[in-house]
Amino acid sequence: MTATPAVDPIMDAITTAVALGREGGVTRAREDLLAIWADLGVSGDPLHRCVLAHHLADLYTDAAEERVPALPPGPYGDMVRAAVGGVNEAITARDTAPD
């Protein structure tokens, strides 16, 4: 016998935003996912944060935007952006280097 899964309003909201993005509402989907991200905060459920970040990245066409946009404003986001900055530069250099 299969148990009925528990309702997860955060996953439902993420799923709704992802579907919107796949249907062409990319800007609105990004806004919705960023709002959910802000609500989750740095102490949000790691599963929710991981799923959200993965799907949010899929909504960006520029690899540089894809890596850092979901970080929250403020000291935490600034700290992570500073740490990631060198990595982004290395990746960009690698991605644009001639073969």
N, C-alpha and C. Protein backbone atom coordinates (compact mmCIF):
# COMPACT_ATOMS: atom_id res chain seq x y z
N MET A 1 0.85 -1.18 0.00
CA MET A 1 0.00 0.00 0.00
C MET A 1 0.89 1.24 0.00
N THR A 2 0.56 2.20 -0.84
CA THR A 2 1.32 3.44 -0.95
C THR A 2 0.64 4.53 -0.14
N ALA A 3 1.43 5.17 0.70
CA ALA A 3 0.89 6.25 1.53
C ALA A 3 0.72 7.50 0.68
N THR A 4 -0.25 8.31 1.01
CA THR A 4 -0.45 9.59 0.34
C THR A 4 0.66 10.54 0.78
N PRO A 5 1.36 11.16 -0.18
CA PRO A 5 2.44 12.07 0.21
C PRO A 5 1.89 13.30 0.94
N ALA A 6 2.71 13.83 1.82
CA ALA A 6 2.33 15.03 2.56
C ALA A 6 2.30 16.22 1.61
N VAL A 7 1.48 17.17 1.91
CA VAL A 7 1.41 18.40 1.13
C VAL A 7 2.61 19.28 1.50
N ASP A 8 3.27 19.82 0.48
CA ASP A 8 4.42 20.69 0.69
C ASP A 8 4.18 21.97 -0.11
N PRO A 9 3.66 23.01 0.55
CA PRO A 9 3.32 24.23 -0.18
C PRO A 9 4.51 24.90 -0.85
N ILE A 10 5.70 24.74 -0.28
CA ILE A 10 6.87 25.36 -0.91
C ILE A 10 7.22 24.64 -2.21
N MET A 11 7.21 23.32 -2.19
CA MET A 11 7.47 22.57 -3.42
C MET A 11 6.38 22.84 -4.45
N ASP A 12 5.14 22.98 -3.98
CA ASP A 12 4.05 23.31 -4.90
C ASP A 12 4.29 24.67 -5.57
N ALA A 13 4.75 25.65 -4.79
CA ALA A 13 5.02 26.98 -5.34
C ALA A 13 6.19 26.94 -6.32
N ILE A 14 7.22 26.16 -6.00
CA ILE A 14 8.36 26.01 -6.90
C ILE A 14 7.91 25.36 -8.20
N THR A 15 7.12 24.31 -8.09
CA THR A 15 6.63 23.59 -9.27
C THR A 15 5.78 24.50 -10.15
N THR A 16 4.94 25.31 -9.54
CA THR A 16 4.10 26.24 -10.29
C THR A 16 4.96 27.24 -11.06
N ALA A 17 5.99 27.78 -10.39
CA ALA A 17 6.88 28.75 -11.04
C ALA A 17 7.66 28.11 -12.18
N VAL A 18 8.13 26.89 -11.97
CA VAL A 18 8.88 26.18 -13.02
C VAL A 18 7.99 25.95 -14.23
N ALA A 19 6.76 25.52 -14.00
CA ALA A 19 5.82 25.30 -15.10
C ALA A 19 5.57 26.60 -15.86
N LEU A 20 5.44 27.71 -15.14
CA LEU A 20 5.24 29.01 -15.77
C LEU A 20 6.42 29.36 -16.67
N GLY A 21 7.63 29.11 -16.18
CA GLY A 21 8.82 29.37 -16.97
C GLY A 21 8.88 28.53 -18.23
N ARG A 22 8.50 27.28 -18.11
CA ARG A 22 8.50 26.38 -19.27
C ARG A 22 7.44 26.76 -20.29
N GLU A 23 6.41 27.45 -19.84
CA GLU A 23 5.34 27.88 -20.74
C GLU A 23 5.65 29.25 -21.37
N GLY A 24 6.83 29.81 -21.08
CA GLY A 24 7.22 31.07 -21.68
C GLY A 24 7.22 32.26 -20.75
N GLY A 25 6.71 32.11 -19.53
CA GLY A 25 6.68 33.21 -18.58
C GLY A 25 7.95 33.27 -17.76
N VAL A 26 9.09 33.40 -18.45
CA VAL A 26 10.39 33.31 -17.79
C VAL A 26 10.61 34.41 -16.76
N THR A 27 10.29 35.64 -17.11
CA THR A 27 10.51 36.75 -16.17
C THR A 27 9.68 36.56 -14.91
N ARG A 28 8.42 36.25 -15.08
CA ARG A 28 7.55 36.04 -13.92
C ARG A 28 8.01 34.83 -13.10
N ALA A 29 8.44 33.77 -13.77
CA ALA A 29 8.94 32.58 -13.07
C ALA A 29 10.16 32.92 -12.23
N ARG A 30 11.08 33.71 -12.80
CA ARG A 30 12.26 34.14 -12.04
C ARG A 30 11.83 34.93 -10.80
N GLU A 31 10.92 35.88 -11.02
CA GLU A 31 10.45 36.71 -9.89
C GLU A 31 9.83 35.84 -8.80
N ASP A 32 9.01 34.89 -9.21
CA ASP A 32 8.36 34.01 -8.23
C ASP A 32 9.38 33.18 -7.47
N LEU A 33 10.35 32.61 -8.20
CA LEU A 33 11.36 31.79 -7.54
C LEU A 33 12.24 32.63 -6.62
N LEU A 34 12.58 33.83 -7.03
CA LEU A 34 13.38 34.71 -6.17
C LEU A 34 12.61 35.10 -4.91
N ALA A 35 11.31 35.29 -5.05
CA ALA A 35 10.48 35.60 -3.87
C ALA A 35 10.45 34.41 -2.91
N ILE A 36 10.33 33.22 -3.45
CA ILE A 36 10.36 32.02 -2.60
C ILE A 36 11.71 31.90 -1.93
N TRP A 37 12.79 32.17 -2.69
CA TRP A 37 14.15 32.12 -2.14
C TRP A 37 14.28 33.09 -0.96
N ALA A 38 13.76 34.29 -1.13
CA ALA A 38 13.83 35.29 -0.06
C ALA A 38 13.07 34.81 1.17
N ASP A 39 11.92 34.18 0.95
CA ASP A 39 11.14 33.65 2.07
C ASP A 39 11.87 32.51 2.78
N LEU A 40 12.57 31.68 2.02
CA LEU A 40 13.30 30.56 2.63
C LEU A 40 14.44 31.07 3.49
N GLY A 41 15.16 32.07 3.01
CA GLY A 41 16.30 32.60 3.75
C GLY A 41 17.43 31.59 3.84
N VAL A 42 18.48 31.98 4.53
CA VAL A 42 19.67 31.13 4.62
C VAL A 42 19.44 29.89 5.47
N SER A 43 18.41 29.90 6.28
CA SER A 43 18.16 28.74 7.14
C SER A 43 17.02 27.87 6.60
N GLY A 44 16.61 28.12 5.35
CA GLY A 44 15.54 27.33 4.76
C GLY A 44 15.93 25.87 4.56
N ASP A 45 14.94 25.06 4.33
CA ASP A 45 15.16 23.63 4.11
C ASP A 45 16.14 23.43 2.95
N PRO A 46 17.22 22.69 3.16
CA PRO A 46 18.21 22.50 2.10
C PRO A 46 17.63 21.88 0.82
N LEU A 47 16.67 20.99 0.94
CA LEU A 47 16.06 20.41 -0.25
C LEU A 47 15.35 21.49 -1.07
N HIS A 48 14.58 22.32 -0.39
CA HIS A 48 13.89 23.41 -1.09
C HIS A 48 14.87 24.34 -1.76
N ARG A 49 15.92 24.71 -1.04
CA ARG A 49 16.92 25.64 -1.59
C ARG A 49 17.63 25.05 -2.80
N CYS A 50 17.96 23.78 -2.72
CA CYS A 50 18.66 23.11 -3.82
C CYS A 50 17.77 23.01 -5.06
N VAL A 51 16.54 22.55 -4.87
CA VAL A 51 15.61 22.41 -5.99
C VAL A 51 15.34 23.78 -6.62
N LEU A 52 15.10 24.77 -5.79
CA LEU A 52 14.82 26.10 -6.29
C LEU A 52 16.01 26.66 -7.07
N ALA A 53 17.21 26.56 -6.50
CA ALA A 53 18.40 27.09 -7.17
C ALA A 53 18.62 26.41 -8.52
N HIS A 54 18.42 25.11 -8.57
CA HIS A 54 18.59 24.37 -9.82
C HIS A 54 17.64 24.89 -10.89
N HIS A 55 16.38 25.00 -10.54
CA HIS A 55 15.39 25.44 -11.52
C HIS A 55 15.52 26.92 -11.86
N LEU A 56 15.93 27.73 -10.90
CA LEU A 56 16.16 29.15 -11.19
C LEU A 56 17.30 29.30 -12.18
N ALA A 57 18.36 28.55 -12.01
CA ALA A 57 19.50 28.63 -12.93
C ALA A 57 19.08 28.28 -14.35
N ASP A 58 18.14 27.37 -14.49
CA ASP A 58 17.67 26.98 -15.82
C ASP A 58 16.96 28.13 -16.54
N LEU A 59 16.54 29.14 -15.81
CA LEU A 59 15.80 30.25 -16.42
C LEU A 59 16.71 31.36 -16.93
N TYR A 60 18.02 31.19 -16.79
CA TYR A 60 18.97 32.19 -17.26
C TYR A 60 19.72 31.66 -18.48
N THR A 61 19.93 32.52 -19.47
CA THR A 61 20.67 32.12 -20.66
C THR A 61 22.14 32.50 -20.57
N ASP A 62 22.47 33.45 -19.71
CA ASP A 62 23.85 33.89 -19.52
C ASP A 62 24.43 33.12 -18.34
N ALA A 63 25.52 32.41 -18.59
CA ALA A 63 26.12 31.57 -17.55
C ALA A 63 26.54 32.39 -16.32
N ALA A 64 27.00 33.62 -16.53
CA ALA A 64 27.41 34.44 -15.38
C ALA A 64 26.21 34.77 -14.50
N GLU A 65 25.07 35.08 -15.11
CA GLU A 65 23.85 35.36 -14.33
C GLU A 65 23.38 34.11 -13.60
N GLU A 66 23.59 32.98 -14.23
CA GLU A 66 23.09 31.71 -13.70
C GLU A 66 23.76 31.34 -12.39
N ARG A 67 25.01 31.76 -12.20
CA ARG A 67 25.76 31.29 -11.04
C ARG A 67 25.44 32.02 -9.74
N VAL A 68 25.08 33.30 -9.80
CA VAL A 68 24.98 34.07 -8.55
C VAL A 68 23.66 34.80 -8.32
N PRO A 69 22.70 34.84 -9.21
CA PRO A 69 21.57 35.75 -9.03
C PRO A 69 20.70 35.46 -7.83
N ALA A 70 20.65 34.22 -7.39
CA ALA A 70 19.71 33.85 -6.34
C ALA A 70 20.22 34.13 -4.94
N LEU A 71 21.41 34.69 -4.82
CA LEU A 71 21.92 34.99 -3.49
C LEU A 71 21.14 36.15 -2.90
N PRO A 72 20.85 36.05 -1.63
CA PRO A 72 20.09 37.13 -0.99
C PRO A 72 20.93 38.39 -0.85
N PRO A 73 20.27 39.55 -0.84
CA PRO A 73 21.02 40.77 -0.59
C PRO A 73 21.51 40.78 0.85
N GLY A 74 22.51 41.59 1.12
CA GLY A 74 23.00 41.72 2.48
C GLY A 74 24.32 41.01 2.69
N PRO A 75 24.76 40.92 3.95
CA PRO A 75 26.09 40.41 4.26
C PRO A 75 26.33 38.98 3.78
N TYR A 76 25.35 38.10 3.91
CA TYR A 76 25.54 36.72 3.48
C TYR A 76 25.76 36.66 1.97
N GLY A 77 24.90 37.30 1.23
CA GLY A 77 25.04 37.32 -0.22
C GLY A 77 26.34 37.96 -0.66
N ASP A 78 26.71 39.07 0.00
CA ASP A 78 27.95 39.75 -0.34
C ASP A 78 29.15 38.84 -0.08
N MET A 79 29.14 38.12 1.02
CA MET A 79 30.24 37.22 1.36
C MET A 79 30.37 36.12 0.31
N VAL A 80 29.25 35.53 -0.06
CA VAL A 80 29.29 34.45 -1.05
C VAL A 80 29.70 35.00 -2.42
N ARG A 81 29.17 36.17 -2.81
CA ARG A 81 29.56 36.76 -4.09
C ARG A 81 31.07 37.01 -4.14
N ALA A 82 31.63 37.49 -3.04
CA ALA A 82 33.07 37.75 -3.00
C ALA A 82 33.85 36.44 -3.15
N ALA A 83 33.40 35.39 -2.49
CA ALA A 83 34.09 34.10 -2.57
C ALA A 83 33.95 33.49 -3.96
N VAL A 84 32.80 33.69 -4.56
CA VAL A 84 32.53 33.09 -5.86
C VAL A 84 33.15 33.90 -7.00
N GLY A 85 33.42 35.16 -6.75
CA GLY A 85 33.93 36.03 -7.80
C GLY A 85 35.12 35.47 -8.55
N GLY A 86 36.12 34.99 -7.83
CA GLY A 86 37.30 34.42 -8.48
C GLY A 86 36.97 33.18 -9.27
N VAL A 87 36.07 32.38 -8.75
CA VAL A 87 35.66 31.16 -9.46
C VAL A 87 34.95 31.55 -10.75
N ASN A 88 34.05 32.54 -10.68
CA ASN A 88 33.35 32.98 -11.89
C ASN A 88 34.32 33.46 -12.95
N GLU A 89 35.34 34.23 -12.53
CA GLU A 89 36.32 34.72 -13.49
C GLU A 89 37.08 33.57 -14.13
N ALA A 90 37.45 32.57 -13.35
CA ALA A 90 38.16 31.41 -13.89
C ALA A 90 37.28 30.63 -14.86
N ILE A 91 36.02 30.45 -14.52
CA ILE A 91 35.11 29.72 -15.40
C ILE A 91 34.90 30.49 -16.69
N THR A 92 34.70 31.81 -16.56
CA THR A 92 34.50 32.63 -17.75
C THR A 92 35.73 32.58 -18.65
N ALA A 93 36.91 32.65 -18.06
CA ALA A 93 38.15 32.58 -18.84
C ALA A 93 38.25 31.22 -19.54
N ARG A 94 37.91 30.17 -18.83
CA ARG A 94 37.95 28.83 -19.41
C ARG A 94 36.94 28.71 -20.54
N ASP A 95 35.74 29.23 -20.32
CA ASP A 95 34.66 29.11 -21.32
C ASP A 95 34.95 29.92 -22.58
N THR A 96 35.72 31.00 -22.45
CA THR A 96 35.97 31.85 -23.61
C THR A 96 37.34 31.62 -24.24
N ALA A 97 38.14 30.74 -23.65
CA ALA A 97 39.48 30.48 -24.19
C ALA A 97 39.37 29.74 -25.52
N PRO A 98 40.23 30.09 -26.48
CA PRO A 98 40.19 29.36 -27.75
C PRO A 98 40.61 27.91 -27.54
N ASP A 99 40.08 27.04 -28.37
CA ASP A 99 40.42 25.61 -28.26
C ASP A 99 41.81 25.33 -28.70
